[in-house]
Amino acid sequence: MKITLLTGQIYDISEAVGMNIKVIPSRSGRKISLRIDAKEHIPVLSVPRFCSRKRAISFVNENMDWLIENLSKIPPQKQFSDGMRLLLFGEEVTIKHSPQQKRGTWLENNVLYVSGSAEFLHRRVKDYIKKTAAQKFYTQSGILAERIGQKLNGVSIKDTKSRWGSCSTLHHINYSWRIALAPREVINYLMAHEVAHLKHQNHSAAFWNCVAELNADWQSGYNWLKQNGKTLYEFA
């Protein structure tokens, strides 16, 4: 198994236990515990402040059967492939590999054509989604920002797994590229949510009133994302 050092951890025990594992401080400060990160699909070991590396390794080995069993339950991440049907910006499209073409990736009549070698298909589809999302989300967010008298200074598309979007005090919005794969009402909700933060940098009643002003049906998108958002992380 390939061993790589994971950032943000106290010390590395991956090589010692034979798998990638992240070691972080325990929230309680007293208890050592092991869990599977639901989004990154990696084991996370929480350790007290003075827990030694030796003790951490021992704890993981003692719980190795549990760890292997639960890791085996995680479905493999999806790759975009020829013939796959998916939602893209609220529309159902079908991916079609066109190796003889030299046009890159383009959408035509709800068919997403991808030229080049099959080994690059996943990356090319992902790049297309990111590039198109940057354009669409910027335009849509700008229109919403004008409705509440706010200025949008930019939009970036990120490969985040901790949040679907964020808005800085500099009026710059970040969106996860995976949100492009969600239903239209979800995209509309997230746009309203992040644009509302241009005016309210909190989640106060005034903020939610602003979200409702921008998208009266925001609750349906919010509920879908809360219940089904994890399915979007199946895509690598």
C-alpha atoms as a PDB file:
ATOM      1  CA  MET A   1       0.000   0.000   0.000  1.00  0.00           C
ATOM      2  CA  LYS A   2       1.329   3.450  -0.897  1.00  0.00           C
ATOM      3  CA  ILE A   3       2.121   5.577   2.138  1.00  0.00           C
ATOM      4  CA  THR A   4       1.818   9.358   1.977  1.00  0.00           C
ATOM      5  CA  LEU A   5       2.150  11.922   4.752  1.00  0.00           C
ATOM      6  CA  LEU A   6      -1.151  13.600   5.560  1.00  0.00           C
ATOM      7  CA  THR A   7      -1.022  17.281   6.488  1.00  0.00           C
ATOM      8  CA  GLY A   8      -2.509  18.753   9.647  1.00  0.00           C
ATOM      9  CA  GLN A   9      -1.611  15.834  11.911  1.00  0.00           C
ATOM     10  CA  ILE A  10       0.426  15.634  15.112  1.00  0.00           C
ATOM     11  CA  TYR A  11       2.765  12.878  13.954  1.00  0.00           C
ATOM     12  CA  ASP A  12       2.802  10.275  11.202  1.00  0.00           C
ATOM     13  CA  ILE A  13       2.043   6.616  11.944  1.00  0.00           C
ATOM     14  CA  SER A  14       0.936   5.596   8.431  1.00  0.00           C
ATOM     15  CA  GLU A  15       3.997   3.495   7.637  1.00  0.00           C
ATOM     16  CA  ALA A  16       3.904   1.798  11.036  1.00  0.00           C
ATOM     17  CA  VAL A  17       0.290   0.620  10.652  1.00  0.00           C
ATOM     18  CA  GLY A  18       0.397   0.026   6.881  1.00  0.00           C
ATOM     19  CA  MET A  19      -2.245   2.511   5.730  1.00  0.00           C
ATOM     20  CA  ASN A  20      -2.870   6.238   5.442  1.00  0.00           C
ATOM     21  CA  ILE A  21      -4.164   7.519   8.761  1.00  0.00           C
ATOM     22  CA  LYS A  22      -4.487  11.044  10.107  1.00  0.00           C
ATOM     23  CA  VAL A  23      -3.576  11.776  13.737  1.00  0.00           C
ATOM     24  CA  ILE A  24      -5.205  14.864  15.247  1.00  0.00           C
ATOM     25  CA  PRO A  25      -5.678  16.323  18.766  1.00  0.00           C
ATOM     26  CA  SER A  26      -8.637  14.952  20.721  1.00  0.00           C
ATOM     27  CA  ARG A  27     -11.451  17.459  21.138  1.00  0.00           C
ATOM     28  CA  SER A  28     -12.000  16.374  24.720  1.00  0.00           C
ATOM     29  CA  GLY A  29      -8.274  16.409  25.377  1.00  0.00           C
ATOM     30  CA  ARG A  30      -8.485  13.143  27.310  1.00  0.00           C
ATOM     31  CA  LYS A  31      -9.710  10.330  25.112  1.00  0.00           C
ATOM     32  CA  ILE A  32      -8.127   8.413  22.245  1.00  0.00           C
ATOM     33  CA  SER A  33     -10.575   7.416  19.522  1.00  0.00           C
ATOM     34  CA  LEU A  34     -10.698   6.146  15.950  1.00  0.00           C
ATOM     35  CA  ARG A  35     -13.189   6.973  13.213  1.00  0.00           C
ATOM     36  CA  ILE A  36     -13.558   7.032   9.412  1.00  0.00           C
ATOM     37  CA  ASP A  37     -13.813  10.502   7.879  1.00  0.00           C
ATOM     38  CA  ALA A  38     -17.116  10.482   6.000  1.00  0.00           C
ATOM     39  CA  LYS A  39     -15.909  12.855   3.278  1.00  0.00           C
ATOM     40  CA  GLU A  40     -12.240  12.043   2.792  1.00  0.00           C
ATOM     41  CA  HIS A  41     -12.748   8.302   3.419  1.00  0.00           C
ATOM     42  CA  ILE A  42      -9.615   7.968   5.538  1.00  0.00           C
ATOM     43  CA  PRO A  43      -9.103   6.795   9.134  1.00  0.00           C
ATOM     44  CA  VAL A  44      -8.734   9.581  11.692  1.00  0.00           C
ATOM     45  CA  LEU A  45      -7.150   8.935  15.076  1.00  0.00           C
ATOM     46  CA  SER A  46      -7.906  11.515  17.791  1.00  0.00           C
ATOM     47  CA  VAL A  47      -5.326  11.481  20.581  1.00  0.00           C
ATOM     48  CA  PRO A  48      -4.904  13.320  23.912  1.00  0.00           C
ATOM     49  CA  ARG A  49      -2.216  15.950  24.200  1.00  0.00           C
ATOM     50  CA  PHE A  50       0.436  13.695  25.741  1.00  0.00           C
ATOM     51  CA  CYS A  51      -0.342  10.500  23.836  1.00  0.00           C
ATOM     52  CA  SER A  52       2.879   8.951  22.567  1.00  0.00           C
ATOM     53  CA  ARG A  53       3.370   7.768  19.016  1.00  0.00           C
ATOM     54  CA  LYS A  54       3.907   4.242  20.365  1.00  0.00           C
ATOM     55  CA  ARG A  55       0.541   4.279  22.140  1.00  0.00           C
ATOM     56  CA  ALA A  56      -1.179   5.632  19.017  1.00  0.00           C
ATOM     57  CA  ILE A  57       0.229   2.796  16.897  1.00  0.00           C
ATOM     58  CA  SER A  58      -0.780   0.246  19.509  1.00  0.00           C
ATOM     59  CA  PHE A  59      -4.357   1.578  19.652  1.00  0.00           C
ATOM     60  CA  VAL A  60      -4.742   1.381  15.876  1.00  0.00           C
ATOM     61  CA  ASN A  61      -3.385  -2.172  15.775  1.00  0.00           C
ATOM     62  CA  GLU A  62      -5.755  -3.204  18.582  1.00  0.00           C
ATOM     63  CA  ASN A  63      -8.679  -1.928  16.485  1.00  0.00           C
ATOM     64  CA  MET A  64      -7.404  -3.042  13.089  1.00  0.00           C
ATOM     65  CA  ASP A  65     -10.226  -5.559  12.517  1.00  0.00           C
ATOM     66  CA  TRP A  66     -12.842  -2.838  13.070  1.00  0.00           C
ATOM     67  CA  LEU A  67     -10.909  -0.450  10.867  1.00  0.00           C
ATOM     68  CA  ILE A  68     -10.567  -2.860   7.943  1.00  0.00           C
ATOM     69  CA  GLU A  69     -14.223  -3.896   8.167  1.00  0.00           C
ATOM     70  CA  ASN A  70     -15.473  -0.303   8.050  1.00  0.00           C
ATOM     71  CA  LEU A  71     -13.075   0.783   5.329  1.00  0.00           C
ATOM     72  CA  SER A  72     -14.326  -2.109   3.189  1.00  0.00           C
ATOM     73  CA  LYS A  73     -17.867  -0.681   3.404  1.00  0.00           C
ATOM     74  CA  ILE A  74     -16.836   2.543   1.681  1.00  0.00           C
ATOM     75  CA  PRO A  75     -17.841   2.465  -1.989  1.00  0.00           C
ATOM     76  CA  PRO A  76     -15.072   3.276  -4.494  1.00  0.00           C
ATOM     77  CA  GLN A  77     -15.050   6.819  -5.813  1.00  0.00           C
ATOM     78  CA  LYS A  78     -16.745   7.277  -9.148  1.00  0.00           C
ATOM     79  CA  GLN A  79     -14.896   8.179 -12.310  1.00  0.00           C
ATOM     80  CA  PHE A  80     -16.590   9.882 -15.243  1.00  0.00           C
ATOM     81  CA  SER A  81     -16.860   7.356 -18.037  1.00  0.00           C
ATOM     82  CA  ASP A  82     -18.196   6.829 -21.552  1.00  0.00           C
ATOM     83  CA  GLY A  83     -21.963   6.385 -21.526  1.00  0.00           C
ATOM     84  CA  MET A  84     -22.436   7.710 -18.002  1.00  0.00           C
ATOM     85  CA  ARG A  85     -25.586   9.761 -17.443  1.00  0.00           C
ATOM     86  CA  LEU A  86     -25.465  12.526 -14.867  1.00  0.00           C
ATOM     87  CA  LEU A  87     -26.970  15.808 -13.830  1.00  0.00           C
ATOM     88  CA  LEU A  88     -24.910  18.764 -14.959  1.00  0.00           C
ATOM     89  CA  PHE A  89     -26.051  22.250 -13.952  1.00  0.00           C
ATOM     90  CA  GLY A  90     -29.545  20.879 -13.495  1.00  0.00           C
ATOM     91  CA  GLU A  91     -29.775  19.138 -16.873  1.00  0.00           C
ATOM     92  CA  GLU A  92     -29.400  15.415 -17.528  1.00  0.00           C
ATOM     93  CA  VAL A  93     -26.513  14.764 -19.911  1.00  0.00           C
ATOM     94  CA  THR A  94     -24.767  11.701 -21.296  1.00  0.00           C
ATOM     95  CA  ILE A  95     -20.994  11.452 -21.620  1.00  0.00           C
ATOM     96  CA  LYS A  96     -19.801  10.263 -25.034  1.00  0.00           C
ATOM     97  CA  HIS A  97     -16.179   9.478 -25.708  1.00  0.00           C
ATOM     98  CA  SER A  98     -15.127  10.705 -29.166  1.00  0.00           C
ATOM     99  CA  PRO A  99     -11.452   9.725 -29.450  1.00  0.00           C
ATOM    100  CA  GLN A 100     -11.110  10.741 -33.098  1.00  0.00           C
ATOM    101  CA  GLN A 101     -12.212  14.310 -32.484  1.00  0.00           C
ATOM    102  CA  LYS A 102      -9.788  17.083 -31.591  1.00  0.00           C
ATOM    103  CA  ARG A 103     -12.185  19.549 -29.954  1.00  0.00           C
ATOM    104  CA  GLY A 104     -11.489  18.909 -26.296  1.00  0.00           C
ATOM    105  CA  THR A 105     -14.764  18.663 -24.377  1.00  0.00           C
ATOM    106  CA  TRP A 106     -18.034  20.222 -25.492  1.00  0.00           C
ATOM    107  CA  LEU A 107     -21.767  19.975 -24.791  1.00  0.00           C
ATOM    108  CA  GLU A 108     -24.256  19.532 -27.612  1.00  0.00           C
ATOM    109  CA  ASN A 109     -27.914  18.469 -27.363  1.00  0.00           C
ATOM    110  CA  ASN A 110     -27.446  17.156 -23.825  1.00  0.00           C
ATOM    111  CA  VAL A 111     -24.463  15.055 -24.870  1.00  0.00           C
ATOM    112  CA  LEU A 112     -21.070  15.855 -23.362  1.00  0.00           C
ATOM    113  CA  TYR A 113     -18.485  14.892 -25.970  1.00  0.00           C
ATOM    114  CA  VAL A 114     -14.951  14.168 -24.818  1.00  0.00           C
ATOM    115  CA  SER A 115     -12.118  13.770 -27.301  1.00  0.00           C
ATOM    116  CA  GLY A 116      -8.672  12.301 -26.755  1.00  0.00           C
ATOM    117  CA  SER A 117      -7.529   9.082 -25.078  1.00  0.00           C
ATOM    118  CA  ALA A 118      -9.847   7.237 -22.699  1.00  0.00           C
ATOM    119  CA  GLU A 119      -7.329   7.525 -19.859  1.00  0.00           C
ATOM    120  CA  PHE A 120      -7.838  11.309 -19.832  1.00  0.00           C
ATOM    121  CA  LEU A 121     -11.643  11.250 -20.023  1.00  0.00           C
ATOM    122  CA  HIS A 122     -12.300  11.678 -16.299  1.00  0.00           C
ATOM    123  CA  ARG A 123      -9.891  14.578 -15.973  1.00  0.00           C
ATOM    124  CA  ARG A 124     -11.216  16.307 -19.074  1.00  0.00           C
ATOM    125  CA  VAL A 125     -14.824  16.079 -17.880  1.00  0.00           C
ATOM    126  CA  LYS A 126     -13.821  17.405 -14.480  1.00  0.00           C
ATOM    127  CA  ASP A 127     -11.859  20.269 -16.061  1.00  0.00           C
ATOM    128  CA  TYR A 128     -14.843  21.108 -18.261  1.00  0.00           C
ATOM    129  CA  ILE A 129     -17.166  21.199 -15.253  1.00  0.00           C
ATOM    130  CA  LYS A 130     -14.802  23.470 -13.309  1.00  0.00           C
ATOM    131  CA  LYS A 131     -14.323  25.878 -16.217  1.00  0.00           C
ATOM    132  CA  THR A 132     -18.040  26.038 -17.024  1.00  0.00           C
ATOM    133  CA  ALA A 133     -18.969  26.376 -13.353  1.00  0.00           C
ATOM    134  CA  ALA A 134     -16.629  29.344 -12.998  1.00  0.00           C
ATOM    135  CA  GLN A 135     -18.498  31.135 -15.781  1.00  0.00           C
ATOM    136  CA  LYS A 136     -22.047  30.131 -14.844  1.00  0.00           C
ATOM    137  CA  PHE A 137     -21.693  30.630 -11.110  1.00  0.00           C
ATOM    138  CA  TYR A 138     -20.035  34.013 -11.540  1.00  0.00           C
ATOM    139  CA  THR A 139     -22.811  35.231 -13.835  1.00  0.00           C
ATOM    140  CA  GLN A 140     -25.621  33.928 -11.659  1.00  0.00           C
ATOM    141  CA  SER A 141     -24.038  35.132  -8.428  1.00  0.00           C
ATOM    142  CA  GLY A 142     -23.487  38.571  -9.952  1.00  0.00           C
ATOM    143  CA  ILE A 143     -27.157  38.873 -10.887  1.00  0.00           C
ATOM    144  CA  LEU A 144     -28.213  37.931  -7.358  1.00  0.00           C
ATOM    145  CA  ALA A 145     -25.696  40.336  -5.835  1.00  0.00           C
ATOM    146  CA  GLU A 146     -27.153  43.230  -7.831  1.00  0.00           C
ATOM    147  CA  ARG A 147     -30.620  42.391  -6.476  1.00  0.00           C
ATOM    148  CA  ILE A 148     -29.487  43.128  -2.924  1.00  0.00           C
ATOM    149  CA  GLY A 149     -27.212  46.038  -3.826  1.00  0.00           C
ATOM    150  CA  GLN A 150     -23.950  44.210  -3.273  1.00  0.00           C
ATOM    151  CA  LYS A 151     -20.775  44.003  -5.333  1.00  0.00           C
ATOM    152  CA  LEU A 152     -19.271  40.644  -6.255  1.00  0.00           C
ATOM    153  CA  ASN A 153     -15.511  40.810  -6.710  1.00  0.00           C
ATOM    154  CA  GLY A 154     -14.952  37.312  -8.005  1.00  0.00           C
ATOM    155  CA  VAL A 155     -15.821  33.610  -7.992  1.00  0.00           C
ATOM    156  CA  SER A 156     -13.458  30.661  -7.680  1.00  0.00           C
ATOM    157  CA  ILE A 157     -14.165  26.966  -8.139  1.00  0.00           C
ATOM    158  CA  LYS A 158     -12.489  24.757  -5.552  1.00  0.00           C
ATOM    159  CA  ASP A 159     -11.988  21.048  -4.923  1.00  0.00           C
ATOM    160  CA  THR A 160     -13.095  21.351  -1.307  1.00  0.00           C
ATOM    161  CA  LYS A 161     -14.542  18.593   0.853  1.00  0.00           C
ATOM    162  CA  SER A 162     -15.205  20.572   4.012  1.00  0.00           C
ATOM    163  CA  ARG A 163     -17.793  22.999   2.631  1.00  0.00           C
ATOM    164  CA  TRP A 164     -19.930  23.631  -0.434  1.00  0.00           C
ATOM    165  CA  GLY A 165     -19.196  27.331  -0.617  1.00  0.00           C
ATOM    166  CA  SER A 166     -17.741  30.276   1.242  1.00  0.00           C
ATOM    167  CA  CYS A 167     -17.785  34.055   1.017  1.00  0.00           C
ATOM    168  CA  SER A 168     -14.941  36.301   2.152  1.00  0.00           C
ATOM    169  CA  THR A 169     -15.138  39.809   3.568  1.00  0.00           C
ATOM    170  CA  LEU A 170     -13.508  40.912   0.303  1.00  0.00           C
ATOM    171  CA  HIS A 171     -16.708  39.865  -1.519  1.00  0.00           C
ATOM    172  CA  HIS A 172     -15.120  36.872  -3.181  1.00  0.00           C
ATOM    173  CA  ILE A 173     -17.121  33.623  -3.330  1.00  0.00           C
ATOM    174  CA  ASN A 174     -15.747  30.085  -3.533  1.00  0.00           C
ATOM    175  CA  TYR A 175     -17.848  27.150  -4.733  1.00  0.00           C
ATOM    176  CA  SER A 176     -17.137  23.424  -4.742  1.00  0.00           C
ATOM    177  CA  TRP A 177     -17.080  22.083  -8.313  1.00  0.00           C
ATOM    178  CA  ARG A 178     -19.205  19.122  -7.196  1.00  0.00           C
ATOM    179  CA  ILE A 179     -22.217  21.369  -6.647  1.00  0.00           C
ATOM    180  CA  ALA A 180     -22.538  21.483 -10.450  1.00  0.00           C
ATOM    181  CA  LEU A 181     -23.663  17.840 -10.242  1.00  0.00           C
ATOM    182  CA  ALA A 182     -26.577  18.633  -7.918  1.00  0.00           C
ATOM    183  CA  PRO A 183     -30.202  19.346  -8.922  1.00  0.00           C
ATOM    184  CA  ARG A 184     -30.981  22.871 -10.087  1.00  0.00           C
ATOM    185  CA  GLU A 185     -32.813  23.827  -6.875  1.00  0.00           C
ATOM    186  CA  VAL A 186     -29.701  22.936  -4.907  1.00  0.00           C
ATOM    187  CA  ILE A 187     -27.485  25.130  -7.068  1.00  0.00           C
ATOM    188  CA  ASN A 188     -29.982  27.987  -6.785  1.00  0.00           C
ATOM    189  CA  TYR A 189     -30.083  27.625  -3.012  1.00  0.00           C
ATOM    190  CA  LEU A 190     -26.308  27.629  -2.643  1.00  0.00           C
ATOM    191  CA  MET A 191     -25.966  30.692  -4.871  1.00  0.00           C
ATOM    192  CA  ALA A 192     -28.528  32.526  -2.728  1.00  0.00           C
ATOM    193  CA  HIS A 193     -26.785  31.376   0.449  1.00  0.00           C
ATOM    194  CA  GLU A 194     -23.327  32.593  -0.508  1.00  0.00           C
ATOM    195  CA  VAL A 195     -24.529  35.836  -2.108  1.00  0.00           C
ATOM    196  CA  ALA A 196     -26.528  36.629   1.047  1.00  0.00           C
ATOM    197  CA  HIS A 197     -23.204  36.476   2.887  1.00  0.00           C
ATOM    198  CA  LEU A 198     -22.050  39.467   0.854  1.00  0.00           C
ATOM    199  CA  LYS A 199     -24.526  41.443   2.940  1.00  0.00           C
ATOM    200  CA  HIS A 200     -24.596  39.421   6.166  1.00  0.00           C
ATOM    201  CA  GLN A 201     -21.396  37.709   7.319  1.00  0.00           C
ATOM    202  CA  ASN A 202     -23.332  35.488   9.731  1.00  0.00           C
ATOM    203  CA  HIS A 203     -26.342  33.190   9.911  1.00  0.00           C
ATOM    204  CA  SER A 204     -28.699  35.586  11.641  1.00  0.00           C
ATOM    205  CA  ALA A 205     -32.423  35.937  10.985  1.00  0.00           C
ATOM    206  CA  ALA A 206     -31.585  38.835   8.667  1.00  0.00           C
ATOM    207  CA  PHE A 207     -29.273  36.539   6.698  1.00  0.00           C
ATOM    208  CA  TRP A 208     -31.945  33.872   6.205  1.00  0.00           C
ATOM    209  CA  ASN A 209     -34.473  36.537   5.239  1.00  0.00           C
ATOM    210  CA  CYS A 210     -32.020  37.647   2.580  1.00  0.00           C
ATOM    211  CA  VAL A 211     -31.634  34.056   1.342  1.00  0.00           C
ATOM    212  CA  ALA A 212     -35.432  33.818   1.064  1.00  0.00           C
ATOM    213  CA  GLU A 213     -35.518  37.125  -0.812  1.00  0.00           C
ATOM    214  CA  LEU A 214     -33.074  35.730  -3.357  1.00  0.00           C
ATOM    215  CA  ASN A 215     -34.633  32.268  -3.553  1.00  0.00           C
ATOM    216  CA  ALA A 216     -38.132  31.736  -2.161  1.00  0.00           C
ATOM    217  CA  ASP A 217     -37.767  27.949  -2.581  1.00  0.00           C
ATOM    218  CA  TRP A 218     -34.423  27.770  -0.764  1.00  0.00           C
ATOM    219  CA  GLN A 219     -35.645  25.194   1.754  1.00  0.00           C
ATOM    220  CA  SER A 220     -35.930  22.393  -0.829  1.00  0.00           C
ATOM    221  CA  GLY A 221     -32.342  22.905  -1.953  1.00  0.00           C
ATOM    222  CA  TYR A 222     -31.147  23.116   1.636  1.00  0.00           C
ATOM    223  CA  ASN A 223     -32.917  19.875   2.556  1.00  0.00           C
ATOM    224  CA  TRP A 224     -31.568  17.991  -0.481  1.00  0.00           C
ATOM    225  CA  LEU A 225     -28.019  19.069   0.280  1.00  0.00           C
ATOM    226  CA  LYS A 226     -28.334  18.070   3.922  1.00  0.00           C
ATOM    227  CA  GLN A 227     -29.784  14.646   3.092  1.00  0.00           C
ATOM    228  CA  ASN A 228     -27.975  13.788  -0.144  1.00  0.00           C
ATOM    229  CA  GLY A 229     -24.920  16.013  -0.340  1.00  0.00           C
ATOM    230  CA  LYS A 230     -22.605  13.161   0.607  1.00  0.00           C
ATOM    231  CA  THR A 231     -23.430  11.439  -2.703  1.00  0.00           C
ATOM    232  CA  LEU A 232     -21.640  14.207  -4.571  1.00  0.00           C
ATOM    233  CA  TYR A 233     -18.405  13.284  -2.810  1.00  0.00           C
ATOM    234  CA  GLU A 234     -18.488   9.911  -4.573  1.00  0.00           C
ATOM    235  CA  PHE A 235     -16.863  11.641  -7.540  1.00  0.00           C
ATOM    236  CA  ALA A 236     -13.090  11.812  -7.297  1.00  0.00           C
END
